[in-house]
Every structure is written in structure tokens, then in C-alpha cells.
Amino acid sequence: MTLPKETPMIERLALAILNDDRNAAGLRPVEGRESIPDSEGYVRNARAVLTALLEPTPEMVAEAVDNAGPIGCCTHSPETARETWQAMLNAALTEGEGHD
């Protein structure tokens, strides 16, 4: 199932968690939460996942630095890699909330 590009990341994660639960219960996946009563808990779970991901592990930071590209192009220090990672996840956490 492919969601529209404009679907907020929180909603994408919530739907992935919901459908994983449905699959484990032997149920078919759904394309949206609208038809599932009390599915707001999946949004809370998705937010918890993104919040846990806010602080990258040292290995993740090292990988980002190692894959930054040639000097003068996309070079990242460990701190820049960490800040970039956190900024991307913060953006995902606030999608659809009217924040810029």
C-alpha cells in the first residue's frame, strides 16, 4: 500500500503499526485509520517511536559523518549530523500541526 506523499510521517507510522497489529491478528490491512474505532493510540505509539529516535546512537552519527560526501559538498561533523537528524525528526513530529 502506498500512501500519498503529503501524508504526515506520524500518520504513516501509525498506519504501519496498526496494520502490523492487524496482520498479527490475521486481519487484512487497511488504507486509513478512519474505519478503525479508537485508533488514536496508534498515533501516540508513532509519536513515541519518533521521540525515541530523536537522539541518534553514536554509530548512527558516525555513519552519517562517514557518508557525508566529499569535502566542500556535504561534509558533516558529528554535531551537525546529530542536529540534522534531530531537525528531520522534529519536522516529522510536528507535521500536520500547523507549525512551520
N, C-alpha and C. Protein backbone atom coordinates (compact mmCIF):
# COMPACT_ATOMS: atom_id res chain seq x y z
N MET A 1 0.85 -1.17 0.00
CA MET A 1 0.00 0.00 0.00
C MET A 1 0.90 1.24 0.00
N THR A 2 0.62 2.16 -0.89
CA THR A 2 1.38 3.39 -0.98
C THR A 2 0.49 4.56 -0.57
N LEU A 3 0.96 5.32 0.39
CA LEU A 3 0.21 6.49 0.85
C LEU A 3 0.61 7.70 0.03
N PRO A 4 -0.27 8.70 -0.07
CA PRO A 4 0.10 9.93 -0.76
C PRO A 4 1.32 10.57 -0.10
N LYS A 5 2.15 11.21 -0.92
CA LYS A 5 3.37 11.84 -0.42
C LYS A 5 3.09 12.85 0.69
N GLU A 6 1.94 13.50 0.63
CA GLU A 6 1.64 14.54 1.62
C GLU A 6 1.15 13.97 2.96
N THR A 7 1.02 12.66 3.07
CA THR A 7 0.59 12.05 4.33
C THR A 7 1.67 12.30 5.38
N PRO A 8 1.31 12.94 6.51
CA PRO A 8 2.31 13.21 7.55
C PRO A 8 2.98 11.93 8.05
N MET A 9 4.24 12.02 8.42
CA MET A 9 5.00 10.86 8.88
C MET A 9 4.34 10.20 10.08
N ILE A 10 3.82 10.98 11.00
CA ILE A 10 3.14 10.40 12.18
C ILE A 10 2.02 9.47 11.71
N GLU A 11 1.24 9.92 10.75
CA GLU A 11 0.13 9.11 10.25
C GLU A 11 0.64 7.87 9.53
N ARG A 12 1.72 8.01 8.77
CA ARG A 12 2.31 6.86 8.09
C ARG A 12 2.76 5.80 9.10
N LEU A 13 3.42 6.25 10.16
CA LEU A 13 3.88 5.33 11.20
C LEU A 13 2.71 4.70 11.93
N ALA A 14 1.71 5.51 12.28
CA ALA A 14 0.54 4.99 12.98
C ALA A 14 -0.13 3.90 12.16
N LEU A 15 -0.27 4.14 10.87
CA LEU A 15 -0.90 3.15 10.00
C LEU A 15 -0.04 1.89 9.87
N ALA A 16 1.26 2.05 9.82
CA ALA A 16 2.15 0.89 9.75
C ALA A 16 2.03 0.04 11.01
N ILE A 17 1.97 0.69 12.18
CA ILE A 17 1.83 -0.05 13.45
C ILE A 17 0.46 -0.72 13.51
N LEU A 18 -0.57 0.00 13.11
CA LEU A 18 -1.92 -0.56 13.09
C LEU A 18 -1.98 -1.79 12.19
N ASN A 19 -1.44 -1.68 10.99
CA ASN A 19 -1.50 -2.80 10.06
C ASN A 19 -0.62 -3.96 10.50
N ASP A 20 0.45 -3.68 11.20
CA ASP A 20 1.26 -4.77 11.76
C ASP A 20 0.45 -5.53 12.80
N ASP A 21 -0.28 -4.80 13.65
CA ASP A 21 -1.15 -5.45 14.63
C ASP A 21 -2.25 -6.26 13.94
N ARG A 22 -2.84 -5.69 12.90
CA ARG A 22 -3.89 -6.39 12.17
C ARG A 22 -3.34 -7.67 11.53
N ASN A 23 -2.15 -7.57 10.95
CA ASN A 23 -1.52 -8.74 10.34
C ASN A 23 -1.29 -9.84 11.38
N ALA A 24 -0.80 -9.44 12.56
CA ALA A 24 -0.55 -10.42 13.64
C ALA A 24 -1.84 -11.09 14.08
N ALA A 25 -2.97 -10.38 13.95
CA ALA A 25 -4.26 -10.93 14.34
C ALA A 25 -4.94 -11.67 13.18
N GLY A 26 -4.27 -11.75 12.03
CA GLY A 26 -4.84 -12.44 10.89
C GLY A 26 -5.86 -11.60 10.13
N LEU A 27 -5.81 -10.29 10.31
CA LEU A 27 -6.75 -9.39 9.63
C LEU A 27 -6.08 -8.72 8.44
N ARG A 28 -6.88 -8.27 7.51
CA ARG A 28 -6.37 -7.56 6.34
C ARG A 28 -5.92 -6.16 6.73
N PRO A 29 -4.93 -5.64 6.01
CA PRO A 29 -4.51 -4.26 6.27
C PRO A 29 -5.58 -3.27 5.80
N VAL A 30 -5.54 -2.09 6.37
CA VAL A 30 -6.45 -1.01 5.98
C VAL A 30 -5.62 0.12 5.38
N GLU A 31 -6.26 0.95 4.59
CA GLU A 31 -5.57 2.06 3.95
C GLU A 31 -5.63 3.34 4.76
N GLY A 32 -6.42 3.35 5.81
CA GLY A 32 -6.53 4.52 6.66
C GLY A 32 -7.14 4.15 8.00
N ARG A 33 -6.95 5.02 8.97
CA ARG A 33 -7.45 4.75 10.32
C ARG A 33 -8.91 5.13 10.49
N GLU A 34 -9.50 5.82 9.50
CA GLU A 34 -10.86 6.33 9.63
C GLU A 34 -11.87 5.24 9.99
N SER A 35 -11.68 4.05 9.46
CA SER A 35 -12.64 2.97 9.69
C SER A 35 -12.34 2.14 10.94
N ILE A 36 -11.31 2.53 11.67
CA ILE A 36 -10.90 1.77 12.85
C ILE A 36 -11.20 2.58 14.11
N PRO A 37 -12.19 2.14 14.90
CA PRO A 37 -12.51 2.87 16.13
C PRO A 37 -11.32 2.86 17.11
N ASP A 38 -11.20 3.91 17.85
CA ASP A 38 -10.17 4.01 18.90
C ASP A 38 -8.76 3.80 18.38
N SER A 39 -8.47 4.29 17.19
CA SER A 39 -7.14 4.09 16.62
C SER A 39 -6.17 5.22 16.96
N GLU A 40 -6.59 6.16 17.78
CA GLU A 40 -5.71 7.28 18.16
C GLU A 40 -4.49 6.80 18.93
N GLY A 41 -4.59 5.66 19.59
CA GLY A 41 -3.45 5.11 20.31
C GLY A 41 -2.29 4.80 19.39
N TYR A 42 -2.59 4.50 18.13
CA TYR A 42 -1.51 4.25 17.17
C TYR A 42 -0.74 5.52 16.86
N VAL A 43 -1.42 6.65 16.91
CA VAL A 43 -0.73 7.93 16.72
C VAL A 43 0.20 8.19 17.91
N ARG A 44 -0.28 7.89 19.12
CA ARG A 44 0.58 8.04 20.31
C ARG A 44 1.80 7.14 20.20
N ASN A 45 1.60 5.90 19.74
CA ASN A 45 2.73 4.99 19.57
C ASN A 45 3.72 5.52 18.54
N ALA A 46 3.21 6.05 17.44
CA ALA A 46 4.07 6.60 16.39
C ALA A 46 4.88 7.78 16.92
N ARG A 47 4.22 8.65 17.69
CA ARG A 47 4.91 9.80 18.28
C ARG A 47 5.99 9.32 19.26
N ALA A 48 5.71 8.28 20.01
CA ALA A 48 6.69 7.73 20.96
C ALA A 48 7.90 7.18 20.22
N VAL A 49 7.67 6.53 19.07
CA VAL A 49 8.78 6.00 18.28
C VAL A 49 9.66 7.14 17.79
N LEU A 50 9.05 8.16 17.21
CA LEU A 50 9.85 9.28 16.70
C LEU A 50 10.58 10.00 17.82
N THR A 51 9.94 10.13 18.98
CA THR A 51 10.58 10.78 20.11
C THR A 51 11.80 9.98 20.57
N ALA A 52 11.66 8.65 20.59
CA ALA A 52 12.79 7.80 20.98
C ALA A 52 13.93 7.91 19.98
N LEU A 53 13.62 8.15 18.73
CA LEU A 53 14.63 8.26 17.68
C LEU A 53 15.33 9.62 17.67
N LEU A 54 14.83 10.58 18.43
CA LEU A 54 15.41 11.93 18.39
C LEU A 54 16.91 11.95 18.69
N GLU A 55 17.35 11.11 19.58
CA GLU A 55 18.77 11.09 19.91
C GLU A 55 19.42 9.91 19.20
N PRO A 56 20.17 10.19 18.12
CA PRO A 56 20.80 9.09 17.40
C PRO A 56 21.88 8.43 18.24
N THR A 57 22.13 7.17 17.95
CA THR A 57 23.21 6.47 18.64
C THR A 57 24.55 6.96 18.08
N PRO A 58 25.63 6.75 18.81
CA PRO A 58 26.94 7.14 18.29
C PRO A 58 27.24 6.47 16.93
N GLU A 59 26.79 5.24 16.76
CA GLU A 59 27.01 4.54 15.50
C GLU A 59 26.27 5.22 14.35
N MET A 60 25.06 5.70 14.61
CA MET A 60 24.29 6.39 13.58
C MET A 60 24.97 7.70 13.19
N VAL A 61 25.47 8.43 14.19
CA VAL A 61 26.16 9.70 13.91
C VAL A 61 27.41 9.43 13.10
N ALA A 62 28.18 8.41 13.48
CA ALA A 62 29.41 8.08 12.76
C ALA A 62 29.10 7.71 11.32
N GLU A 63 28.03 6.97 11.11
CA GLU A 63 27.64 6.59 9.74
C GLU A 63 27.26 7.82 8.92
N ALA A 64 26.56 8.76 9.53
CA ALA A 64 26.19 9.99 8.82
C ALA A 64 27.42 10.79 8.45
N VAL A 65 28.37 10.86 9.35
CA VAL A 65 29.61 11.58 9.08
C VAL A 65 30.38 10.87 7.97
N ASP A 66 30.47 9.55 8.03
CA ASP A 66 31.22 8.77 7.04
C ASP A 66 30.61 8.89 5.65
N ASN A 67 29.30 9.10 5.57
CA ASN A 67 28.61 9.15 4.27
C ASN A 67 28.27 10.57 3.84
N ALA A 68 28.97 11.54 4.39
CA ALA A 68 28.64 12.94 4.13
C ALA A 68 29.03 13.41 2.74
N GLY A 69 29.94 12.78 2.10
CA GLY A 69 30.35 13.22 0.77
C GLY A 69 31.69 13.90 0.82
N PRO A 70 32.16 14.35 -0.36
CA PRO A 70 33.47 14.99 -0.42
C PRO A 70 33.51 16.31 0.32
N ILE A 71 34.71 16.69 0.74
CA ILE A 71 34.89 17.95 1.46
C ILE A 71 34.39 19.09 0.58
N GLY A 72 33.67 20.00 1.18
CA GLY A 72 33.12 21.13 0.46
C GLY A 72 31.74 20.86 -0.12
N CYS A 73 31.30 19.63 -0.05
CA CYS A 73 29.98 19.30 -0.60
C CYS A 73 28.98 19.15 0.54
N CYS A 74 28.98 18.06 1.15
CA CYS A 74 28.02 17.77 2.22
C CYS A 74 28.73 17.25 3.44
N THR A 75 29.81 17.86 3.81
CA THR A 75 30.61 17.40 4.94
C THR A 75 29.88 17.70 6.24
N HIS A 76 29.84 16.71 7.11
CA HIS A 76 29.17 16.88 8.40
C HIS A 76 30.12 16.55 9.53
N SER A 77 30.09 17.35 10.54
CA SER A 77 30.75 16.98 11.78
C SER A 77 29.76 16.10 12.55
N PRO A 78 30.21 15.39 13.57
CA PRO A 78 29.27 14.62 14.36
C PRO A 78 28.13 15.48 14.91
N GLU A 79 28.43 16.67 15.34
CA GLU A 79 27.39 17.55 15.88
C GLU A 79 26.39 17.96 14.80
N THR A 80 26.88 18.27 13.61
CA THR A 80 25.99 18.64 12.51
C THR A 80 25.12 17.46 12.10
N ALA A 81 25.69 16.27 12.07
CA ALA A 81 24.91 15.07 11.74
C ALA A 81 23.80 14.87 12.77
N ARG A 82 24.12 15.03 14.04
CA ARG A 82 23.14 14.88 15.12
C ARG A 82 22.05 15.94 14.99
N GLU A 83 22.44 17.18 14.77
CA GLU A 83 21.46 18.26 14.64
C GLU A 83 20.56 18.07 13.42
N THR A 84 21.13 17.59 12.33
CA THR A 84 20.33 17.34 11.12
C THR A 84 19.32 16.24 11.38
N TRP A 85 19.76 15.16 11.98
CA TRP A 85 18.88 14.04 12.33
C TRP A 85 17.74 14.53 13.22
N GLN A 86 18.06 15.29 14.26
CA GLN A 86 17.04 15.77 15.18
C GLN A 86 16.08 16.73 14.50
N ALA A 87 16.59 17.58 13.61
CA ALA A 87 15.73 18.52 12.89
C ALA A 87 14.74 17.77 11.99
N MET A 88 15.22 16.71 11.34
CA MET A 88 14.34 15.92 10.48
C MET A 88 13.25 15.24 11.30
N LEU A 89 13.60 14.67 12.42
CA LEU A 89 12.59 14.01 13.25
C LEU A 89 11.66 15.01 13.90
N ASN A 90 12.18 16.16 14.31
CA ASN A 90 11.29 17.19 14.86
C ASN A 90 10.28 17.64 13.82
N ALA A 91 10.72 17.75 12.57
CA ALA A 91 9.79 18.11 11.50
C ALA A 91 8.70 17.05 11.36
N ALA A 92 9.09 15.79 11.44
CA ALA A 92 8.10 14.71 11.35
C ALA A 92 7.14 14.75 12.53
N LEU A 93 7.66 15.09 13.71
CA LEU A 93 6.80 15.15 14.91
C LEU A 93 5.77 16.27 14.84
N THR A 94 6.08 17.33 14.10
CA THR A 94 5.16 18.48 14.07
C THR A 94 4.38 18.59 12.77
N GLU A 95 4.56 17.66 11.84
CA GLU A 95 3.79 17.67 10.58
C GLU A 95 2.30 17.67 10.89
N GLY A 96 1.58 18.47 10.17
CA GLY A 96 0.13 18.49 10.32
C GLY A 96 -0.38 19.23 11.54
N GLU A 97 0.51 19.87 12.29
CA GLU A 97 0.10 20.61 13.47
C GLU A 97 0.07 22.10 13.23
N GLY A 98 0.32 22.54 12.00
CA GLY A 98 0.30 23.95 11.68
C GLY A 98 1.57 24.68 12.04
N HIS A 99 2.65 23.95 12.34
CA HIS A 99 3.94 24.55 12.64
C HIS A 99 4.74 24.68 11.38
N ASP A 100 5.55 25.71 11.29
CA ASP A 100 6.47 25.87 10.15
C ASP A 100 7.88 25.67 10.60
